[in-house]
């Protein structure tokens, strides 16, 4: 699944959430799986991103349908 508990308790970047309907929904625009993994590899476990002013929940929406409730996360 690629989920981790790293960086879950402080003000930092949390797990990156991609669109589960990537490539399946009629209104899919981009494949978020590769992009989500790349962004997670950039930030996860890096000390300079581990003490932000507040937690940062990243969601990457790849279609017009907001099936991941991106409006409630910090969006890219």
PDB file of N, CA and C in Angstrom:
ATOM      1  N   UNK A   1       0.809  -1.180   0.000  1.00  0.00           N
ATOM      2  CA  UNK A   1       0.000   0.000   0.000  1.00  0.00           C
ATOM      3  C   UNK A   1       0.856   1.249   0.000  1.00  0.00           C
ATOM      4  N   UNK A   2       2.052   1.209   0.563  1.00  0.00           N
ATOM      5  CA  UNK A   2       2.910   2.374   0.589  1.00  0.00           C
ATOM      6  C   UNK A   2       2.631   3.346   1.726  1.00  0.00           C
ATOM      7  N   UNK A   3       1.756   2.973   2.653  1.00  0.00           N
ATOM      8  CA  UNK A   3       1.477   3.853   3.789  1.00  0.00           C
ATOM      9  C   UNK A   3       2.555   3.697   4.846  1.00  0.00           C
ATOM     10  N   UNK A   4       2.808   4.753   5.579  1.00  0.00           N
ATOM     11  CA  UNK A   4       3.814   4.715   6.619  1.00  0.00           C
ATOM     12  C   UNK A   4       3.341   5.527   7.822  1.00  0.00           C
ATOM     13  N   UNK A   5       3.882   5.208   8.972  1.00  0.00           N
ATOM     14  CA  UNK A   5       3.582   5.997  10.164  1.00  0.00           C
ATOM     15  C   UNK A   5       4.645   7.061  10.398  1.00  0.00           C
ATOM     16  N   UNK A   6       5.634   7.128   9.533  1.00  0.00           N
ATOM     17  CA  UNK A   6       6.676   8.143   9.637  1.00  0.00           C
ATOM     18  C   UNK A   6       6.053   9.521   9.500  1.00  0.00           C
ATOM     19  N   UNK A   7       6.421  10.426  10.407  1.00  0.00           N
ATOM     20  CA  UNK A   7       5.940  11.803  10.393  1.00  0.00           C
ATOM     21  C   UNK A   7       4.439  11.909  10.635  1.00  0.00           C
ATOM     22  N   UNK A   8       3.921  11.181  11.582  1.00  0.00           N
ATOM     23  CA  UNK A   8       2.476  11.254  11.830  1.00  0.00           C
ATOM     24  C   UNK A   8       2.105  12.040  13.074  1.00  0.00           C
ATOM     25  N   UNK A   9       3.062  12.431  13.910  1.00  0.00           N
ATOM     26  CA  UNK A   9       2.689  13.036  15.166  1.00  0.00           C
ATOM     27  C   UNK A   9       3.106  14.471  15.388  1.00  0.00           C
ATOM     28  N   UNK A  10       3.742  15.093  14.436  1.00  0.00           N
ATOM     29  CA  UNK A  10       4.213  16.461  14.636  1.00  0.00           C
ATOM     30  C   UNK A  10       3.670  17.359  13.519  1.00  0.00           C
ATOM     31  N   UNK A  11       4.111  18.589  13.512  1.00  0.00           N
ATOM     32  CA  UNK A  11       3.720  19.513  12.439  1.00  0.00           C
ATOM     33  C   UNK A  11       4.650  19.315  11.251  1.00  0.00           C
ATOM     34  N   UNK A  12       4.236  18.447  10.365  1.00  0.00           N
ATOM     35  CA  UNK A  12       5.054  18.101   9.213  1.00  0.00           C
ATOM     36  C   UNK A  12       4.181  17.656   8.049  1.00  0.00           C
ATOM     37  N   UNK A  13       4.828  17.235   6.978  1.00  0.00           N
ATOM     38  CA  UNK A  13       4.099  16.734   5.812  1.00  0.00           C
ATOM     39  C   UNK A  13       3.707  15.292   6.084  1.00  0.00           C
ATOM     40  N   UNK A  14       2.424  15.005   5.955  1.00  0.00           N
ATOM     41  CA  UNK A  14       1.895  13.665   6.219  1.00  0.00           C
ATOM     42  C   UNK A  14       1.921  12.835   4.940  1.00  0.00           C
ATOM     43  N   UNK A  15       1.322  11.649   4.991  1.00  0.00           N
ATOM     44  CA  UNK A  15       1.229  10.809   3.795  1.00  0.00           C
ATOM     45  C   UNK A  15       0.552  11.567   2.659  1.00  0.00           C
ATOM     46  N   UNK A  16       1.033  11.347   1.487  1.00  0.00           N
ATOM     47  CA  UNK A  16       0.467  11.974   0.296  1.00  0.00           C
ATOM     48  C   UNK A  16      -0.680  11.092  -0.190  1.00  0.00           C
ATOM     49  N   UNK A  17      -1.846  11.690  -0.387  1.00  0.00           N
ATOM     50  CA  UNK A  17      -3.024  10.949  -0.831  1.00  0.00           C
ATOM     51  C   UNK A  17      -3.248  11.225  -2.313  1.00  0.00           C
ATOM     52  N   UNK A  18      -3.267  10.159  -3.102  1.00  0.00           N
ATOM     53  CA  UNK A  18      -3.549  10.272  -4.532  1.00  0.00           C
ATOM     54  C   UNK A  18      -4.986   9.895  -4.819  1.00  0.00           C
ATOM     55  N   UNK A  19      -5.387  10.066  -6.040  1.00  0.00           N
ATOM     56  CA  UNK A  19      -6.752   9.788  -6.473  1.00  0.00           C
ATOM     57  C   UNK A  19      -6.928   8.283  -6.720  1.00  0.00           C
ATOM     58  N   UNK A  20      -7.780   7.590  -5.941  1.00  0.00           N
ATOM     59  CA  UNK A  20      -7.955   6.148  -6.123  1.00  0.00           C
ATOM     60  C   UNK A  20      -8.630   5.777  -7.442  1.00  0.00           C
ATOM     61  N   UNK A  21      -9.247   6.735  -8.100  1.00  0.00           N
ATOM     62  CA  UNK A  21      -9.903   6.451  -9.381  1.00  0.00           C
ATOM     63  C   UNK A  21      -9.045   6.838 -10.584  1.00  0.00           C
ATOM     64  N   UNK A  22      -7.761   7.077 -10.349  1.00  0.00           N
ATOM     65  CA  UNK A  22      -6.845   7.434 -11.431  1.00  0.00           C
ATOM     66  C   UNK A  22      -6.920   6.410 -12.555  1.00  0.00           C
ATOM     67  N   UNK A  23      -7.201   6.883 -13.732  1.00  0.00           N
ATOM     68  CA  UNK A  23      -7.268   6.016 -14.902  1.00  0.00           C
ATOM     69  C   UNK A  23      -8.554   5.214 -15.020  1.00  0.00           C
ATOM     70  N   UNK A  24      -9.406   5.257 -14.021  1.00  0.00           N
ATOM     71  CA  UNK A  24     -10.648   4.487 -14.042  1.00  0.00           C
ATOM     72  C   UNK A  24     -11.874   5.354 -14.299  1.00  0.00           C
ATOM     73  N   UNK A  25     -11.887   6.532 -13.734  1.00  0.00           N
ATOM     74  CA  UNK A  25     -13.039   7.430 -13.887  1.00  0.00           C
ATOM     75  C   UNK A  25     -13.035   8.053 -15.275  1.00  0.00           C
ATOM     76  N   UNK A  26     -14.219   8.298 -15.794  1.00  0.00           N
ATOM     77  CA  UNK A  26     -14.341   8.917 -17.115  1.00  0.00           C
ATOM     78  C   UNK A  26     -13.703  10.296 -17.183  1.00  0.00           C
ATOM     79  N   UNK A  27     -13.724  11.000 -16.070  1.00  0.00           N
ATOM     80  CA  UNK A  27     -13.192  12.362 -16.070  1.00  0.00           C
ATOM     81  C   UNK A  27     -11.746  12.444 -15.559  1.00  0.00           C
ATOM     82  N   UNK A  28     -11.023  11.311 -15.572  1.00  0.00           N
ATOM     83  CA  UNK A  28      -9.621  11.327 -15.165  1.00  0.00           C
ATOM     84  C   UNK A  28      -8.812  12.211 -16.106  1.00  0.00           C
ATOM     85  N   UNK A  29      -7.969  13.046 -15.518  1.00  0.00           N
ATOM     86  CA  UNK A  29      -7.145  13.956 -16.303  1.00  0.00           C
ATOM     87  C   UNK A  29      -5.673  13.570 -16.274  1.00  0.00           C
ATOM     88  N   UNK A  30      -5.178  13.167 -15.098  1.00  0.00           N
ATOM     89  CA  UNK A  30      -3.783  12.753 -14.962  1.00  0.00           C
ATOM     90  C   UNK A  30      -3.697  11.519 -14.072  1.00  0.00           C
ATOM     91  N   UNK A  31      -2.599  10.776 -14.202  1.00  0.00           N
ATOM     92  CA  UNK A  31      -2.335   9.626 -13.348  1.00  0.00           C
ATOM     93  C   UNK A  31      -1.635  10.132 -12.095  1.00  0.00           C
ATOM     94  N   UNK A  32      -2.276  10.031 -10.950  1.00  0.00           N
ATOM     95  CA  UNK A  32      -1.722  10.589  -9.714  1.00  0.00           C
ATOM     96  C   UNK A  32      -0.824   9.615  -8.956  1.00  0.00           C
ATOM     97  N   UNK A  33      -0.808   8.349  -9.329  1.00  0.00           N
ATOM     98  CA  UNK A  33      -0.029   7.359  -8.590  1.00  0.00           C
ATOM     99  C   UNK A  33       1.465   7.681  -8.637  1.00  0.00           C
ATOM    100  N   UNK A  34       2.012   7.850  -9.817  1.00  0.00           N
ATOM    101  CA  UNK A  34       3.440   8.147  -9.961  1.00  0.00           C
ATOM    102  C   UNK A  34       3.787   9.474  -9.292  1.00  0.00           C
ATOM    103  N   UNK A  35       2.961  10.475  -9.498  1.00  0.00           N
ATOM    104  CA  UNK A  35       3.185  11.795  -8.924  1.00  0.00           C
ATOM    105  C   UNK A  35       3.132  11.756  -7.394  1.00  0.00           C
ATOM    106  N   UNK A  36       2.191  11.017  -6.843  1.00  0.00           N
ATOM    107  CA  UNK A  36       2.077  10.886  -5.383  1.00  0.00           C
ATOM    108  C   UNK A  36       3.329  10.254  -4.792  1.00  0.00           C
ATOM    109  N   UNK A  37       3.829   9.204  -5.431  1.00  0.00           N
ATOM    110  CA  UNK A  37       5.038   8.534  -4.943  1.00  0.00           C
ATOM    111  C   UNK A  37       6.249   9.454  -5.025  1.00  0.00           C
ATOM    112  N   UNK A  38       6.372  10.202  -6.101  1.00  0.00           N
ATOM    113  CA  UNK A  38       7.497  11.116  -6.254  1.00  0.00           C
ATOM    114  C   UNK A  38       7.477  12.211  -5.184  1.00  0.00           C
ATOM    115  N   UNK A  39       6.315  12.770  -4.946  1.00  0.00           N
ATOM    116  CA  UNK A  39       6.200  13.822  -3.926  1.00  0.00           C
ATOM    117  C   UNK A  39       6.487  13.256  -2.541  1.00  0.00           C
ATOM    118  N   UNK A  40       5.990  12.072  -2.261  1.00  0.00           N
ATOM    119  CA  UNK A  40       6.249  11.452  -0.967  1.00  0.00           C
ATOM    120  C   UNK A  40       7.755  11.219  -0.779  1.00  0.00           C
ATOM    121  N   UNK A  41       8.440  10.765  -1.815  1.00  0.00           N
ATOM    122  CA  UNK A  41       9.883  10.527  -1.716  1.00  0.00           C
ATOM    123  C   UNK A  41      10.667  11.818  -1.504  1.00  0.00           C
ATOM    124  N   UNK A  42      10.163  12.927  -1.994  1.00  0.00           N
ATOM    125  CA  UNK A  42      10.834  14.215  -1.806  1.00  0.00           C
ATOM    126  C   UNK A  42      10.768  14.644  -0.345  1.00  0.00           C
ATOM    127  N   UNK A  43       9.626  14.496   0.293  1.00  0.00           N
ATOM    128  CA  UNK A  43       9.402  15.055   1.618  1.00  0.00           C
ATOM    129  C   UNK A  43       9.543  14.079   2.782  1.00  0.00           C
ATOM    130  N   UNK A  44       9.097  12.855   2.631  1.00  0.00           N
ATOM    131  CA  UNK A  44       9.006  11.925   3.747  1.00  0.00           C
ATOM    132  C   UNK A  44      10.381  11.557   4.305  1.00  0.00           C
ATOM    133  N   UNK A  45      10.535  11.723   5.606  1.00  0.00           N
ATOM    134  CA  UNK A  45      11.766  11.365   6.281  1.00  0.00           C
ATOM    135  C   UNK A  45      12.858  12.418   6.213  1.00  0.00           C
ATOM    136  N   UNK A  46      12.579  13.555   5.615  1.00  0.00           N
ATOM    137  CA  UNK A  46      13.566  14.632   5.514  1.00  0.00           C
ATOM    138  C   UNK A  46      13.402  15.573   6.698  1.00  0.00           C
ATOM    139  N   UNK A  47      14.467  15.737   7.460  1.00  0.00           N
ATOM    140  CA  UNK A  47      14.411  16.520   8.688  1.00  0.00           C
ATOM    141  C   UNK A  47      13.973  17.965   8.453  1.00  0.00           C
ATOM    142  N   UNK A  48      14.379  18.563   7.333  1.00  0.00           N
ATOM    143  CA  UNK A  48      14.036  19.971   7.101  1.00  0.00           C
ATOM    144  C   UNK A  48      12.542  20.183   6.869  1.00  0.00           C
ATOM    145  N   UNK A  49      11.794  19.115   6.593  1.00  0.00           N
ATOM    146  CA  UNK A  49      10.347  19.223   6.421  1.00  0.00           C
ATOM    147  C   UNK A  49       9.584  18.665   7.629  1.00  0.00           C
ATOM    148  N   UNK A  50      10.299  18.349   8.708  1.00  0.00           N
ATOM    149  CA  UNK A  50       9.673  17.677   9.850  1.00  0.00           C
ATOM    150  C   UNK A  50       9.188  18.625  10.938  1.00  0.00           C
ATOM    151  N   UNK A  51       9.426  19.914  10.814  1.00  0.00           N
ATOM    152  CA  UNK A  51       8.981  20.847  11.844  1.00  0.00           C
ATOM    153  C   UNK A  51       8.411  22.105  11.184  1.00  0.00           C
ATOM    154  N   UNK A  52       7.268  21.959  10.584  1.00  0.00           N
ATOM    155  CA  UNK A  52       6.604  23.067   9.895  1.00  0.00           C
ATOM    156  C   UNK A  52       5.742  23.851  10.887  1.00  0.00           C
ATOM    157  N   UNK A  53       5.249  25.014  10.503  1.00  0.00           N
ATOM    158  CA  UNK A  53       4.363  25.772  11.395  1.00  0.00           C
ATOM    159  C   UNK A  53       3.076  25.014  11.747  1.00  0.00           C
ATOM    160  N   UNK A  54       2.674  24.076  10.899  1.00  0.00           N
ATOM    161  CA  UNK A  54       1.495  23.255  11.151  1.00  0.00           C
ATOM    162  C   UNK A  54       1.594  22.005  10.306  1.00  0.00           C
ATOM    163  N   UNK A  55       0.736  21.021  10.571  1.00  0.00           N
ATOM    164  CA  UNK A  55       0.748  19.810   9.748  1.00  0.00           C
ATOM    165  C   UNK A  55       0.325  20.156   8.330  1.00  0.00           C
ATOM    166  N   UNK A  56       0.760  19.360   7.381  1.00  0.00           N
ATOM    167  CA  UNK A  56       0.481  19.621   5.972  1.00  0.00           C
ATOM    168  C   UNK A  56       0.021  18.326   5.326  1.00  0.00           C
ATOM    169  N   UNK A  57      -1.263  18.231   5.042  1.00  0.00           N
ATOM    170  CA  UNK A  57      -1.846  17.048   4.415  1.00  0.00           C
ATOM    171  C   UNK A  57      -1.939  17.281   2.917  1.00  0.00           C
ATOM    172  N   UNK A  58      -1.225  16.477   2.148  1.00  0.00           N
ATOM    173  CA  UNK A  58      -1.178  16.650   0.700  1.00  0.00           C
ATOM    174  C   UNK A  58      -2.133  15.677   0.022  1.00  0.00           C
ATOM    175  N   UNK A  59      -2.965  16.202  -0.861  1.00  0.00           N
ATOM    176  CA  UNK A  59      -3.814  15.352  -1.687  1.00  0.00           C
ATOM    177  C   UNK A  59      -3.669  15.809  -3.137  1.00  0.00           C
ATOM    178  N   UNK A  60      -3.610  14.839  -4.025  1.00  0.00           N
ATOM    179  CA  UNK A  60      -3.453  15.141  -5.448  1.00  0.00           C
ATOM    180  C   UNK A  60      -4.659  14.568  -6.175  1.00  0.00           C
ATOM    181  N   UNK A  61      -5.461  15.433  -6.697  1.00  0.00           N
ATOM    182  CA  UNK A  61      -6.689  15.041  -7.381  1.00  0.00           C
ATOM    183  C   UNK A  61      -6.414  14.941  -8.878  1.00  0.00           C
ATOM    184  N   UNK A  62      -6.792  13.829  -9.483  1.00  0.00           N
ATOM    185  CA  UNK A  62      -6.506  13.613 -10.894  1.00  0.00           C
ATOM    186  C   UNK A  62      -7.730  13.637 -11.783  1.00  0.00           C
ATOM    187  N   UNK A  63      -8.886  13.971 -11.220  1.00  0.00           N
ATOM    188  CA  UNK A  63     -10.110  14.012 -12.016  1.00  0.00           C
ATOM    189  C   UNK A  63     -10.974  15.174 -11.535  1.00  0.00           C
ATOM    190  N   UNK A  64     -12.041  15.412 -12.253  1.00  0.00           N
ATOM    191  CA  UNK A  64     -12.952  16.497 -11.876  1.00  0.00           C
ATOM    192  C   UNK A  64     -13.820  16.123 -10.682  1.00  0.00           C
ATOM    193  N   UNK A  65     -13.973  14.821 -10.437  1.00  0.00           N
ATOM    194  CA  UNK A  65     -14.753  14.335  -9.311  1.00  0.00           C
ATOM    195  C   UNK A  65     -13.860  14.267  -8.075  1.00  0.00           C
ATOM    196  N   UNK A  66     -14.226  14.945  -7.013  1.00  0.00           N
ATOM    197  CA  UNK A  66     -13.401  14.997  -5.807  1.00  0.00           C
ATOM    198  C   UNK A  66     -13.720  13.815  -4.893  1.00  0.00           C
ATOM    199  N   UNK A  67     -13.248  12.628  -5.265  1.00  0.00           N
ATOM    200  CA  UNK A  67     -13.541  11.435  -4.467  1.00  0.00           C
ATOM    201  C   UNK A  67     -12.617  11.287  -3.264  1.00  0.00           C
ATOM    202  N   UNK A  68     -11.607  12.155  -3.127  1.00  0.00           N
ATOM    203  CA  UNK A  68     -10.708  12.074  -1.975  1.00  0.00           C
ATOM    204  C   UNK A  68     -10.912  13.238  -1.008  1.00  0.00           C
ATOM    205  N   UNK A  69     -11.988  13.996  -1.218  1.00  0.00           N
ATOM    206  CA  UNK A  69     -12.281  15.148  -0.368  1.00  0.00           C
ATOM    207  C   UNK A  69     -11.093  16.092  -0.261  1.00  0.00           C
ATOM    208  N   UNK A  70     -10.510  16.404  -1.396  1.00  0.00           N
ATOM    209  CA  UNK A  70      -9.326  17.259  -1.454  1.00  0.00           C
ATOM    210  C   UNK A  70      -9.592  18.638  -0.851  1.00  0.00           C
ATOM    211  N   UNK A  71     -10.825  19.059  -0.850  1.00  0.00           N
ATOM    212  CA  UNK A  71     -11.162  20.373  -0.300  1.00  0.00           C
ATOM    213  C   UNK A  71     -10.791  20.466   1.180  1.00  0.00           C
ATOM    214  N   UNK A  72     -10.701  19.341   1.869  1.00  0.00           N
ATOM    215  CA  UNK A  72     -10.363  19.336   3.292  1.00  0.00           C
ATOM    216  C   UNK A  72      -8.887  19.116   3.548  1.00  0.00           C
ATOM    217  N   UNK A  73      -8.086  18.943   2.506  1.00  0.00           N
ATOM    218  CA  UNK A  73      -6.638  18.750   2.626  1.00  0.00           C
ATOM    219  C   UNK A  73      -5.931  19.934   1.984  1.00  0.00           C
ATOM    220  N   UNK A  74      -4.621  19.981   2.146  1.00  0.00           N
ATOM    221  CA  UNK A  74      -3.817  20.972   1.456  1.00  0.00           C
ATOM    222  C   UNK A  74      -3.567  20.402   0.066  1.00  0.00           C
ATOM    223  N   UNK A  75      -3.956  21.129  -0.979  1.00  0.00           N
ATOM    224  CA  UNK A  75      -3.976  20.586  -2.330  1.00  0.00           C
ATOM    225  C   UNK A  75      -2.789  21.022  -3.156  1.00  0.00           C
ATOM    226  N   UNK A  76      -2.418  20.152  -4.112  1.00  0.00           N
ATOM    227  CA  UNK A  76      -1.411  20.474  -5.121  1.00  0.00           C
ATOM    228  C   UNK A  76      -2.075  20.482  -6.480  1.00  0.00           C
TER     229      UNK A  76
END
